[in-house]
PDB file of N, CA and C in Angstrom:
ATOM      1  N   MET A   1      13.759   1.799   5.585  1.00  0.00           N
ATOM      2  CA  MET A   1      12.500   1.005   5.955  1.00  0.00           C
ATOM      3  C   MET A   1      11.837   1.539   7.132  1.00  0.00           C
ATOM      4  N   ASP A   2      12.592   2.051   7.760  1.00  0.00           N
ATOM      5  CA  ASP A   2      11.836   2.536   9.421  1.00  0.00           C
ATOM      6  C   ASP A   2      11.271   4.126   8.400  1.00  0.00           C
ATOM      7  N   GLY A   3      11.899   5.063   8.144  1.00  0.00           N
ATOM      8  CA  GLY A   3      11.090   5.846   7.296  1.00  0.00           C
ATOM      9  C   GLY A   3       9.869   5.705   6.764  1.00  0.00           C
ATOM     10  N   CYS A   4      10.198   5.117   5.837  1.00  0.00           N
ATOM     11  CA  CYS A   4       8.940   4.720   5.347  1.00  0.00           C
ATOM     12  C   CYS A   4       7.546   4.018   6.143  1.00  0.00           C
ATOM     13  N   PHE A   5       7.786   3.530   7.509  1.00  0.00           N
ATOM     14  CA  PHE A   5       6.865   3.029   8.003  1.00  0.00           C
ATOM     15  C   PHE A   5       6.100   3.644   8.944  1.00  0.00           C
ATOM     16  N   ALA A   6       7.072   5.298   9.591  1.00  0.00           N
ATOM     17  CA  ALA A   6       6.664   6.303  10.074  1.00  0.00           C
ATOM     18  C   ALA A   6       5.528   6.821   9.512  1.00  0.00           C
ATOM     19  N   LEU A   7       5.545   6.821   7.986  1.00  0.00           N
ATOM     20  CA  LEU A   7       4.528   7.417   7.058  1.00  0.00           C
ATOM     21  C   LEU A   7       3.051   6.321   7.287  1.00  0.00           C
ATOM     22  N   LEU A   8       2.969   5.297   8.165  1.00  0.00           N
ATOM     23  CA  LEU A   8       1.805   4.623   7.949  1.00  0.00           C
ATOM     24  C   LEU A   8       1.587   4.698   8.947  1.00  0.00           C
ATOM     25  N   ALA A   9      -0.165   5.169   8.962  1.00  0.00           N
ATOM     26  CA  ALA A   9      -0.854   4.791   9.931  1.00  0.00           C
ATOM     27  C   ALA A   9      -0.941   3.321  10.891  1.00  0.00           C
ATOM     28  N   ASP A  10      -0.929   3.266  12.071  1.00  0.00           N
ATOM     29  CA  ASP A  10      -1.169   2.395  12.824  1.00  0.00           C
ATOM     30  C   ASP A  10      -2.317   0.766  11.981  1.00  0.00           C
ATOM     31  N   ASP A  11      -3.189   1.551  11.892  1.00  0.00           N
ATOM     32  CA  ASP A  11      -4.449   1.298  11.084  1.00  0.00           C
ATOM     33  C   ASP A  11      -4.252   0.514   9.400  1.00  0.00           C
ATOM     34  N   ILE A  12      -3.561   1.159   8.938  1.00  0.00           N
ATOM     35  CA  ILE A  12      -3.433   1.088   7.852  1.00  0.00           C
ATOM     36  C   ILE A  12      -3.935  -0.313   6.830  1.00  0.00           C
ATOM     37  N   THR A  13      -4.775   0.459   5.893  1.00  0.00           N
ATOM     38  CA  THR A  13      -5.419  -0.934   5.319  1.00  0.00           C
ATOM     39  C   THR A  13      -4.541  -0.523   3.558  1.00  0.00           C
ATOM     40  N   TRP A  14      -3.394  -1.790   3.487  1.00  0.00           N
ATOM     41  CA  TRP A  14      -2.787  -2.082   2.056  1.00  0.00           C
ATOM     42  C   TRP A  14      -3.566  -3.108   1.591  1.00  0.00           C
ATOM     43  N   THR A  15      -3.801  -2.496   0.025  1.00  0.00           N
ATOM     44  CA  THR A  15      -4.414  -3.694  -0.960  1.00  0.00           C
ATOM     45  C   THR A  15      -3.312  -3.597  -2.349  1.00  0.00           C
ATOM     46  N   ASN A  16      -2.816  -4.489  -2.716  1.00  0.00           N
ATOM     47  CA  ASN A  16      -2.280  -5.458  -4.221  1.00  0.00           C
ATOM     48  C   ASN A  16      -3.449  -5.872  -4.954  1.00  0.00           C
ATOM     49  N   ILE A  17      -3.238  -5.197  -6.079  1.00  0.00           N
ATOM     50  CA  ILE A  17      -4.691  -5.988  -6.452  1.00  0.00           C
ATOM     51  C   ILE A  17      -4.216  -7.344  -7.384  1.00  0.00           C
ATOM     52  N   GLY A  18      -5.328  -7.919  -7.882  1.00  0.00           N
ATOM     53  CA  GLY A  18      -4.770  -9.400  -9.113  1.00  0.00           C
ATOM     54  C   GLY A  18      -5.007 -10.491  -7.933  1.00  0.00           C
ATOM     55  N   SER A  19      -4.563 -11.335  -8.450  1.00  0.00           N
ATOM     56  CA  SER A  19      -4.477 -12.661  -7.817  1.00  0.00           C
ATOM     57  C   SER A  19      -2.717 -13.299  -7.948  1.00  0.00           C
ATOM     58  N   THR A  20      -1.642 -12.580  -7.829  1.00  0.00           N
ATOM     59  CA  THR A  20      -0.330 -12.795  -7.364  1.00  0.00           C
ATOM     60  C   THR A  20      -0.224 -13.726  -5.812  1.00  0.00           C
ATOM     61  N   GLN A  21       0.703 -13.934  -5.542  1.00  0.00           N
ATOM     62  CA  GLN A  21       1.083 -14.398  -4.353  1.00  0.00           C
ATOM     63  C   GLN A  21       1.479 -13.207  -3.712  1.00  0.00           C
ATOM     64  N   PHE A  22       1.561 -12.054  -3.946  1.00  0.00           N
ATOM     65  CA  PHE A  22       1.642 -10.697  -3.451  1.00  0.00           C
ATOM     66  C   PHE A  22       0.541 -10.075  -3.199  1.00  0.00           C
ATOM     67  N   SER A  23      -0.847 -10.506  -3.899  1.00  0.00           N
ATOM     68  CA  SER A  23      -2.060  -9.769  -4.096  1.00  0.00           C
ATOM     69  C   SER A  23      -3.034  -9.916  -2.705  1.00  0.00           C
ATOM     70  N   GLY A  24      -3.648  -8.856  -1.984  1.00  0.00           N
ATOM     71  CA  GLY A  24      -4.478  -9.672  -0.988  1.00  0.00           C
ATOM     72  C   GLY A  24      -4.761  -7.770  -0.354  1.00  0.00           C
ATOM     73  N   THR A  25      -5.571  -8.285   0.788  1.00  0.00           N
ATOM     74  CA  THR A  25      -5.733  -7.283   1.854  1.00  0.00           C
ATOM     75  C   THR A  25      -5.539  -7.196   2.906  1.00  0.00           C
ATOM     76  N   TYR A  26      -4.125  -6.409   3.325  1.00  0.00           N
ATOM     77  CA  TYR A  26      -3.681  -6.563   4.579  1.00  0.00           C
ATOM     78  C   TYR A  26      -3.196  -5.100   5.371  1.00  0.00           C
ATOM     79  N   VAL A  27      -4.069  -5.244   6.537  1.00  0.00           N
ATOM     80  CA  VAL A  27      -5.006  -4.229   7.685  1.00  0.00           C
ATOM     81  C   VAL A  27      -3.298  -4.554   9.066  1.00  0.00           C
ATOM     82  N   GLY A  28      -3.302  -3.172   9.467  1.00  0.00           N
ATOM     83  CA  GLY A  28      -2.339  -3.235  10.058  1.00  0.00           C
ATOM     84  C   GLY A  28      -1.246  -2.945   9.752  1.00  0.00           C
ATOM     85  N   LYS A  29      -0.126  -2.181  10.371  1.00  0.00           N
ATOM     86  CA  LYS A  29       1.276  -2.842  10.061  1.00  0.00           C
ATOM     87  C   LYS A  29       2.037  -3.401  10.135  1.00  0.00           C
ATOM     88  N   GLN A  30       1.382  -4.114  11.549  1.00  0.00           N
ATOM     89  CA  GLN A  30       2.187  -5.966  11.438  1.00  0.00           C
ATOM     90  C   GLN A  30       1.760  -6.697  10.147  1.00  0.00           C
ATOM     91  N   ALA A  31       0.522  -6.854   9.677  1.00  0.00           N
ATOM     92  CA  ALA A  31       0.440  -7.422   9.020  1.00  0.00           C
ATOM     93  C   ALA A  31       0.970  -7.254   7.760  1.00  0.00           C
ATOM     94  N   LEU A  32       1.272  -5.990   7.332  1.00  0.00           N
ATOM     95  CA  LEU A  32       1.521  -5.372   6.031  1.00  0.00           C
ATOM     96  C   LEU A  32       3.301  -6.037   6.190  1.00  0.00           C
ATOM     97  N   ALA A  33       4.179  -5.489   6.807  1.00  0.00           N
ATOM     98  CA  ALA A  33       5.066  -6.234   7.052  1.00  0.00           C
ATOM     99  C   ALA A  33       5.686  -8.033   7.209  1.00  0.00           C
ATOM    100  N   GLU A  34       4.583  -8.316   8.219  1.00  0.00           N
ATOM    101  CA  GLU A  34       4.409 -10.236   8.119  1.00  0.00           C
ATOM    102  C   GLU A  34       4.222 -10.708   6.567  1.00  0.00           C
ATOM    103  N   ASN A  35       2.798 -10.087   6.318  1.00  0.00           N
ATOM    104  CA  ASN A  35       2.369 -11.188   5.149  1.00  0.00           C
ATOM    105  C   ASN A  35       2.626 -10.361   3.914  1.00  0.00           C
ATOM    106  N   LEU A  36       3.295  -9.081   3.426  1.00  0.00           N
ATOM    107  CA  LEU A  36       3.531  -8.780   2.454  1.00  0.00           C
ATOM    108  C   LEU A  36       5.398  -8.526   2.366  1.00  0.00           C
ATOM    109  N   LEU A  37       5.333  -7.934   3.171  1.00  0.00           N
ATOM    110  CA  LEU A  37       6.979  -7.183   3.161  1.00  0.00           C
ATOM    111  C   LEU A  37       8.063  -8.168   3.142  1.00  0.00           C
ATOM    112  N   GLY A  38       7.671  -8.929   4.271  1.00  0.00           N
ATOM    113  CA  GLY A  38       8.736  -9.906   4.806  1.00  0.00           C
ATOM    114  C   GLY A  38       8.700 -11.212   3.575  1.00  0.00           C
ATOM    115  N   PRO A  39       7.712 -11.404   3.128  1.00  0.00           N
ATOM    116  CA  PRO A  39       7.844 -12.578   1.842  1.00  0.00           C
ATOM    117  C   PRO A  39       8.302 -12.247   0.841  1.00  0.00           C
ATOM    118  N   LEU A  40       7.744 -10.400   0.563  1.00  0.00           N
ATOM    119  CA  LEU A  40       8.817 -10.082  -0.913  1.00  0.00           C
ATOM    120  C   LEU A  40       9.667  -9.613  -0.758  1.00  0.00           C
ATOM    121  N   PHE A  41      10.177  -9.071   0.363  1.00  0.00           N
ATOM    122  CA  PHE A  41      11.957  -8.731   0.538  1.00  0.00           C
ATOM    123  C   PHE A  41      13.052  -9.791   0.871  1.00  0.00           C
ATOM    124  N   SER A  42      11.891 -10.686   0.966  1.00  0.00           N
ATOM    125  CA  SER A  42      13.372 -12.040   1.246  1.00  0.00           C
ATOM    126  C   SER A  42      13.823 -12.685   0.151  1.00  0.00           C
ATOM    127  N   GLN A  43      12.470 -12.649  -1.091  1.00  0.00           N
ATOM    128  CA  GLN A  43      13.251 -12.848  -2.240  1.00  0.00           C
ATOM    129  C   GLN A  43      13.947 -11.999  -3.053  1.00  0.00           C
ATOM    130  N   LEU A  44      14.345 -10.624  -2.604  1.00  0.00           N
ATOM    131  CA  LEU A  44      15.125  -9.607  -2.960  1.00  0.00           C
ATOM    132  C   LEU A  44      16.661  -9.146  -2.409  1.00  0.00           C
ATOM    133  N   LYS A  45      17.484  -9.127  -3.134  1.00  0.00           N
ATOM    134  CA  LYS A  45      18.732  -8.896  -2.978  1.00  0.00           C
ATOM    135  C   LYS A  45      19.041  -7.486  -1.800  1.00  0.00           C
ATOM    136  N   ALA A  46      18.202  -6.677  -2.595  1.00  0.00           N
ATOM    137  CA  ALA A  46      18.120  -5.670  -1.811  1.00  0.00           C
ATOM    138  C   ALA A  46      17.309  -4.699  -1.245  1.00  0.00           C
ATOM    139  N   GLY A  47      15.875  -5.182  -1.415  1.00  0.00           N
ATOM    140  CA  GLY A  47      14.741  -4.280  -1.270  1.00  0.00           C
ATOM    141  C   GLY A  47      14.586  -3.804  -2.874  1.00  0.00           C
ATOM    142  N   ILE A  48      13.326  -2.973  -2.861  1.00  0.00           N
ATOM    143  CA  ILE A  48      12.924  -2.497  -4.312  1.00  0.00           C
ATOM    144  C   ILE A  48      13.202  -0.813  -3.964  1.00  0.00           C
ATOM    145  N   SER A  49      14.147  -0.206  -4.943  1.00  0.00           N
ATOM    146  CA  SER A  49      14.846   1.085  -5.007  1.00  0.00           C
ATOM    147  C   SER A  49      13.276   1.981  -6.172  1.00  0.00           C
ATOM    148  N   SER A  50      12.560   2.791  -5.296  1.00  0.00           N
ATOM    149  CA  SER A  50      11.405   2.965  -5.735  1.00  0.00           C
ATOM    150  C   SER A  50      11.757   4.659  -6.447  1.00  0.00           C
ATOM    151  N   GLN A  51      11.080   4.854  -7.127  1.00  0.00           N
ATOM    152  CA  GLN A  51      11.286   6.947  -8.125  1.00  0.00           C
ATOM    153  C   GLN A  51       9.476   6.879  -7.897  1.00  0.00           C
ATOM    154  N   ILE A  52       9.748   8.011  -7.840  1.00  0.00           N
ATOM    155  CA  ILE A  52       7.974   8.808  -8.005  1.00  0.00           C
ATOM    156  C   ILE A  52       8.082   9.658  -9.812  1.00  0.00           C
ATOM    157  N   GLU A  53       7.253   8.527 -10.199  1.00  0.00           N
ATOM    158  CA  GLU A  53       7.292   9.891 -11.309  1.00  0.00           C
ATOM    159  C   GLU A  53       6.718  10.723 -11.697  1.00  0.00           C
ATOM    160  N   GLN A  54       5.003  10.856 -10.909  1.00  0.00           N
ATOM    161  CA  GLN A  54       3.620  11.805 -10.713  1.00  0.00           C
ATOM    162  C   GLN A  54       3.162  11.827  -9.963  1.00  0.00           C
ATOM    163  N   LEU A  55       2.563  12.598  -9.090  1.00  0.00           N
ATOM    164  CA  LEU A  55       2.258  12.661  -8.066  1.00  0.00           C
ATOM    165  C   LEU A  55       0.995  14.096  -8.335  1.00  0.00           C
ATOM    166  N   THR A  56      -0.488  13.344  -8.059  1.00  0.00           N
ATOM    167  CA  THR A  56      -1.581  14.037  -8.052  1.00  0.00           C
ATOM    168  C   THR A  56      -2.752  13.967  -7.228  1.00  0.00           C
ATOM    169  N   ALA A  57      -2.814  15.094  -6.463  1.00  0.00           N
ATOM    170  CA  ALA A  57      -4.081  15.106  -5.324  1.00  0.00           C
ATOM    171  C   ALA A  57      -4.808  15.800  -5.328  1.00  0.00           C
ATOM    172  N   GLU A  58      -5.763  15.590  -4.809  1.00  0.00           N
ATOM    173  CA  GLU A  58      -7.139  16.350  -4.095  1.00  0.00           C
ATOM    174  C   GLU A  58      -7.992  15.470  -3.188  1.00  0.00           C
ATOM    175  N   GLY A  59      -7.711  16.872  -2.307  1.00  0.00           N
ATOM    176  CA  GLY A  59      -8.589  16.301  -0.994  1.00  0.00           C
ATOM    177  C   GLY A  59      -7.800  15.538  -0.011  1.00  0.00           C
ATOM    178  N   ASP A  60      -7.789  14.494   0.466  1.00  0.00           N
ATOM    179  CA  ASP A  60      -7.204  13.411   1.065  1.00  0.00           C
ATOM    180  C   ASP A  60      -6.766  12.077   0.325  1.00  0.00           C
ATOM    181  N   ILE A  61      -6.784  12.408  -1.119  1.00  0.00           N
ATOM    182  CA  ILE A  61      -6.486  11.219  -1.927  1.00  0.00           C
ATOM    183  C   ILE A  61      -5.034  11.509  -2.647  1.00  0.00           C
ATOM    184  N   VAL A  62      -4.304  10.909  -2.645  1.00  0.00           N
ATOM    185  CA  VAL A  62      -3.122  10.961  -3.515  1.00  0.00           C
ATOM    186  C   VAL A  62      -2.830  10.444  -4.512  1.00  0.00           C
ATOM    187  N   VAL A  63      -2.833  10.420  -5.725  1.00  0.00           N
ATOM    188  CA  VAL A  63      -2.736   9.134  -6.892  1.00  0.00           C
ATOM    189  C   VAL A  63      -0.855   9.247  -6.934  1.00  0.00           C
ATOM    190  N   ALA A  64       0.085   8.590  -7.010  1.00  0.00           N
ATOM    191  CA  ALA A  64       1.504   8.272  -6.882  1.00  0.00           C
ATOM    192  C   ALA A  64       1.712   7.340  -8.339  1.00  0.00           C
ATOM    193  N   GLN A  65       2.600   7.670  -8.948  1.00  0.00           N
ATOM    194  CA  GLN A  65       2.644   6.484 -10.069  1.00  0.00           C
ATOM    195  C   GLN A  65       4.436   6.935 -10.050  1.00  0.00           C
ATOM    196  N   THR A  66       4.978   5.259  -9.752  1.00  0.00           N
ATOM    197  CA  THR A  66       6.110   4.928  -9.513  1.00  0.00           C
ATOM    198  C   THR A  66       6.500   4.384 -10.389  1.00  0.00           C
ATOM    199  N   SER A  67       8.275   3.672 -10.096  1.00  0.00           N
ATOM    200  CA  SER A  67       8.644   2.832 -10.883  1.00  0.00           C
ATOM    201  C   SER A  67       9.467   1.938  -9.694  1.00  0.00           C
ATOM    202  N   GLY A  68       9.906   0.881  -9.631  1.00  0.00           N
ATOM    203  CA  GLY A  68      10.329  -0.002  -8.906  1.00  0.00           C
ATOM    204  C   GLY A  68      11.484  -0.909  -9.595  1.00  0.00           C
ATOM    205  N   THR A  69      12.966  -0.429  -9.168  1.00  0.00           N
ATOM    206  CA  THR A  69      13.918  -1.611  -9.664  1.00  0.00           C
ATOM    207  C   THR A  69      14.180  -2.374  -8.759  1.00  0.00           C
ATOM    208  N   ALA A  70      14.362  -3.716  -9.149  1.00  0.00           N
ATOM    209  CA  ALA A  70      15.173  -4.991  -7.443  1.00  0.00           C
ATOM    210  C   ALA A  70      15.657  -5.913  -8.473  1.00  0.00           C
ATOM    211  N   GLU A  71      16.649  -6.492  -7.975  1.00  0.00           N
ATOM    212  CA  GLU A  71      16.863  -7.669  -8.260  1.00  0.00           C
ATOM    213  C   GLU A  71      16.535  -9.176  -7.245  1.00  0.00           C
ATOM    214  N   THR A  72      16.244 -10.260  -7.947  1.00  0.00           N
ATOM    215  CA  THR A  72      16.051 -11.315  -6.473  1.00  0.00           C
ATOM    216  C   THR A  72      17.244 -11.840  -6.358  1.00  0.00           C
ATOM    217  N   THR A  73      17.295 -12.611  -5.193  1.00  0.00           N
ATOM    218  CA  THR A  73      18.325 -13.880  -4.460  1.00  0.00           C
ATOM    219  C   THR A  73      19.082 -14.202  -5.860  1.00  0.00           C
ATOM    220  N   ASP A  74      18.444 -14.791  -7.125  1.00  0.00           N
ATOM    221  CA  ASP A  74      18.602 -15.371  -8.020  1.00  0.00           C
ATOM    222  C   ASP A  74      18.831 -14.516  -9.526  1.00  0.00           C
ATOM    223  N   GLY A  75      19.013 -13.298  -8.878  1.00  0.00           N
ATOM    224  CA  GLY A  75      19.744 -12.497  -9.794  1.00  0.00           C
ATOM    225  C   GLY A  75      18.922 -12.269 -10.970  1.00  0.00           C
ATOM    226  N   VAL A  76      17.464 -12.457 -11.104  1.00  0.00           N
ATOM    227  CA  VAL A  76      16.512 -11.800 -12.023  1.00  0.00           C
ATOM    228  C   VAL A  76      15.954 -10.351 -11.706  1.00  0.00           C
ATOM    229  N   PRO A  77      15.998 -10.084 -12.936  1.00  0.00           N
ATOM    230  CA  PRO A  77      15.531  -8.185 -12.534  1.00  0.00           C
ATOM    231  C   PRO A  77      13.881  -8.235 -12.426  1.00  0.00           C
ATOM    232  N   TYR A  78      14.216  -7.454 -11.479  1.00  0.00           N
ATOM    233  CA  TYR A  78      12.193  -6.952 -11.178  1.00  0.00           C
ATOM    234  C   TYR A  78      12.127  -5.733 -11.509  1.00  0.00           C
ATOM    235  N   ASN A  79      11.795  -5.070 -12.527  1.00  0.00           N
ATOM    236  CA  ASN A  79      11.252  -3.846 -12.331  1.00  0.00           C
ATOM    237  C   ASN A  79       9.855  -3.626 -12.885  1.00  0.00           C
ATOM    238  N   ASN A  80       9.317  -2.934 -12.023  1.00  0.00           N
ATOM    239  CA  ASN A  80       7.758  -2.968 -12.237  1.00  0.00           C
ATOM    240  C   ASN A  80       7.174  -1.010 -12.113  1.00  0.00           C
ATOM    241  N   ILE A  81       6.445  -1.716 -12.887  1.00  0.00           N
ATOM    242  CA  ILE A  81       5.391   0.124 -12.879  1.00  0.00           C
ATOM    243  C   ILE A  81       4.539   0.062 -11.897  1.00  0.00           C
ATOM    244  N   TYR A  82       4.693   1.086 -11.333  1.00  0.00           N
ATOM    245  CA  TYR A  82       2.851   0.660 -10.098  1.00  0.00           C
ATOM    246  C   TYR A  82       2.646   2.132 -10.350  1.00  0.00           C
ATOM    247  N   CYS A  83       0.516   1.985  -9.546  1.00  0.00           N
ATOM    248  CA  CYS A  83       0.366   3.195  -9.560  1.00  0.00           C
ATOM    249  C   CYS A  83      -0.390   3.055  -7.869  1.00  0.00           C
ATOM    250  N   GLN A  84      -0.464   3.565  -6.960  1.00  0.00           N
ATOM    251  CA  GLN A  84      -0.625   3.896  -6.031  1.00  0.00           C
ATOM    252  C   GLN A  84      -1.747   5.062  -5.944  1.00  0.00           C
ATOM    253  N   VAL A  85      -3.022   4.150  -5.017  1.00  0.00           N
ATOM    254  CA  VAL A  85      -3.763   5.655  -4.840  1.00  0.00           C
ATOM    255  C   VAL A  85      -4.096   5.745  -3.397  1.00  0.00           C
ATOM    256  N   ILE A  86      -3.815   6.627  -2.772  1.00  0.00           N
ATOM    257  CA  ILE A  86      -3.564   6.498  -1.321  1.00  0.00           C
ATOM    258  C   ILE A  86      -4.172   7.504  -1.014  1.00  0.00           C
ATOM    259  N   THR A  87      -4.962   7.185   0.766  1.00  0.00           N
ATOM    260  CA  THR A  87      -5.907   8.088   1.398  1.00  0.00           C
ATOM    261  C   THR A  87      -5.057   8.642   2.600  1.00  0.00           C
ATOM    262  N   ILE A  88      -5.090   9.762   2.809  1.00  0.00           N
ATOM    263  CA  ILE A  88      -3.997  10.479   3.525  1.00  0.00           C
ATOM    264  C   ILE A  88      -5.061  10.782   5.194  1.00  0.00           C
ATOM    265  N   ARG A  89      -4.494  10.560   6.008  1.00  0.00           N
ATOM    266  CA  ARG A  89      -5.166  10.756   7.481  1.00  0.00           C
ATOM    267  C   ARG A  89      -4.163  11.663   8.511  1.00  0.00           C
ATOM    268  N   ASP A  90      -4.517  12.474   9.183  1.00  0.00           N
ATOM    269  CA  ASP A  90      -3.421  13.116   9.897  1.00  0.00           C
ATOM    270  C   ASP A  90      -1.964  12.906   9.551  1.00  0.00           C
ATOM    271  N   GLY A  91      -1.628  13.024   7.679  1.00  0.00           N
ATOM    272  CA  GLY A  91      -0.441  13.476   7.706  1.00  0.00           C
ATOM    273  C   GLY A  91       0.113  11.946   7.367  1.00  0.00           C
ATOM    274  N   LYS A  92      -1.081  10.597   7.506  1.00  0.00           N
ATOM    275  CA  LYS A  92      -0.128   9.369   7.408  1.00  0.00           C
ATOM    276  C   LYS A  92      -0.760   8.519   6.654  1.00  0.00           C
ATOM    277  N   PHE A  93      -0.443   7.481   5.670  1.00  0.00           N
ATOM    278  CA  PHE A  93      -1.210   7.208   4.769  1.00  0.00           C
ATOM    279  C   PHE A  93      -2.176   5.889   5.662  1.00  0.00           C
ATOM    280  N   LEU A  94      -3.498   5.750   5.241  1.00  0.00           N
ATOM    281  CA  LEU A  94      -4.642   5.682   5.988  1.00  0.00           C
ATOM    282  C   LEU A  94      -5.163   4.513   4.833  1.00  0.00           C
ATOM    283  N   ALA A  95      -4.766   4.219   3.827  1.00  0.00           N
ATOM    284  CA  ALA A  95      -5.462   3.450   3.129  1.00  0.00           C
ATOM    285  C   ALA A  95      -4.183   3.451   1.461  1.00  0.00           C
ATOM    286  N   VAL A  96      -3.767   1.990   1.037  1.00  0.00           N
ATOM    287  CA  VAL A  96      -3.510   2.182  -0.326  1.00  0.00           C
ATOM    288  C   VAL A  96      -3.871   1.195  -1.161  1.00  0.00           C
ATOM    289  N   THR A  97      -4.242   1.399  -2.086  1.00  0.00           N
ATOM    290  CA  THR A  97      -4.217   0.043  -3.165  1.00  0.00           C
ATOM    291  C   THR A  97      -3.374   0.126  -4.143  1.00  0.00           C
ATOM    292  N   GLU A  98      -2.762  -0.764  -4.573  1.00  0.00           N
ATOM    293  CA  GLU A  98      -1.320  -0.573  -5.628  1.00  0.00           C
ATOM    294  C   GLU A  98      -1.882  -1.392  -6.744  1.00  0.00           C
ATOM    295  N   TYR A  99      -1.372  -0.845  -7.692  1.00  0.00           N
ATOM    296  CA  TYR A  99      -1.639  -1.452  -8.825  1.00  0.00           C
ATOM    297  C   TYR A  99      -0.243  -1.382  -9.853  1.00  0.00           C
ATOM    298  N   MET A 100      -0.377  -3.008 -10.111  1.00  0.00           N
ATOM    299  CA  MET A 100       0.878  -3.156 -11.072  1.00  0.00           C
ATOM    300  C   MET A 100       0.756  -4.135 -11.977  1.00  0.00           C
ATOM    301  N   ASP A 101       2.196  -4.333 -13.045  1.00  0.00           N
ATOM    302  CA  ASP A 101       2.274  -5.433 -13.805  1.00  0.00           C
ATOM    303  C   ASP A 101       1.711  -6.847 -12.946  1.00  0.00           C
ATOM    304  N   THR A 102       0.776  -7.445 -12.955  1.00  0.00           N
ATOM    305  CA  THR A 102       0.372  -8.812 -12.255  1.00  0.00           C
ATOM    306  C   THR A 102       1.368  -9.974 -12.951  1.00  0.00           C
ATOM    307  N   ALA A 103       1.197  -9.799 -14.086  1.00  0.00           N
ATOM    308  CA  ALA A 103       2.368 -10.971 -14.680  1.00  0.00           C
ATOM    309  C   ALA A 103       3.405 -10.999 -14.549  1.00  0.00           C
ATOM    310  N   LEU A 104       3.870  -9.680 -14.306  1.00  0.00           N
ATOM    311  CA  LEU A 104       5.826  -9.459 -14.560  1.00  0.00           C
ATOM    312  C   LEU A 104       5.718 -10.523 -13.212  1.00  0.00           C
ATOM    313  N   ILE A 105       4.483 -10.045 -11.858  1.00  0.00           N
ATOM    314  CA  ILE A 105       4.890 -11.024 -10.644  1.00  0.00           C
ATOM    315  C   ILE A 105       5.341 -12.313 -11.236  1.00  0.00           C
ATOM    316  N   ASP A 106       3.970 -12.697 -11.502  1.00  0.00           N
ATOM    317  CA  ASP A 106       4.059 -14.360 -11.888  1.00  0.00           C
ATOM    318  C   ASP A 106       5.378 -14.506 -12.083  1.00  0.00           C
ATOM    319  N   SER A 107       5.635 -14.320 -13.399  1.00  0.00           N
ATOM    320  CA  SER A 107       6.901 -14.564 -14.341  1.00  0.00           C
ATOM    321  C   SER A 107       8.243 -14.580 -13.146  1.00  0.00           C
ATOM    322  N   VAL A 108       8.315 -13.108 -12.315  1.00  0.00           N
ATOM    323  CA  VAL A 108       9.645 -13.271 -11.483  1.00  0.00           C
ATOM    324  C   VAL A 108       9.405 -14.235 -10.229  1.00  0.00           C
ATOM    325  N   PHE A 109       8.362 -13.887  -9.714  1.00  0.00           N
ATOM    326  CA  PHE A 109       8.438 -14.393  -8.338  1.00  0.00           C
ATOM    327  C   PHE A 109       7.565 -15.913  -8.272  1.00  0.00           C
ATOM    328  N   GLY A 110       6.731 -16.571  -9.488  1.00  0.00           N
ATOM    329  CA  GLY A 110       6.047 -17.537  -9.490  1.00  0.00           C
ATOM    330  C   GLY A 110       4.436 -17.260  -9.262  1.00  0.00           C
ATOM    331  N   ALA A 111       3.682 -18.208 -10.340  1.00  0.00           N
ATOM    332  CA  ALA A 111       1.842 -17.460  -9.779  1.00  0.00           C
ATOM    333  C   ALA A 111       1.765 -18.442  -8.202  1.00  0.00           C
ATOM    334  N   LYS A 112       0.549 -17.616  -7.945  1.00  0.00           N
ATOM    335  CA  LYS A 112      -0.242 -18.016  -6.671  1.00  0.00           C
ATOM    336  C   LYS A 112      -0.353 -19.587  -6.898  1.00  0.00           C
TER     337      LYS A 112
END
């Protein structure tokens, strides 16, 4: 996780689409860690294993199609597909908008 956080700008803006309990915009590393990653990862046995399926880049924008596999602390599989639109500044992630199967999130973690 430290390696991933090192790739983020201190003033990152991370937006998860939809109306799930994890949806919203998180500004700054601390808000991202406390308000998104902490609540999400506390419900997972061992975080999310992610795999990059495809990357497309133009200028300072990168679009990543990824898949993630995880299991909740209750033993429920959480395997989602993601599309992240990433803005890069000085070699770090400045902004991320993440698209995913929000119905799956609601079914695994409960609706907001």
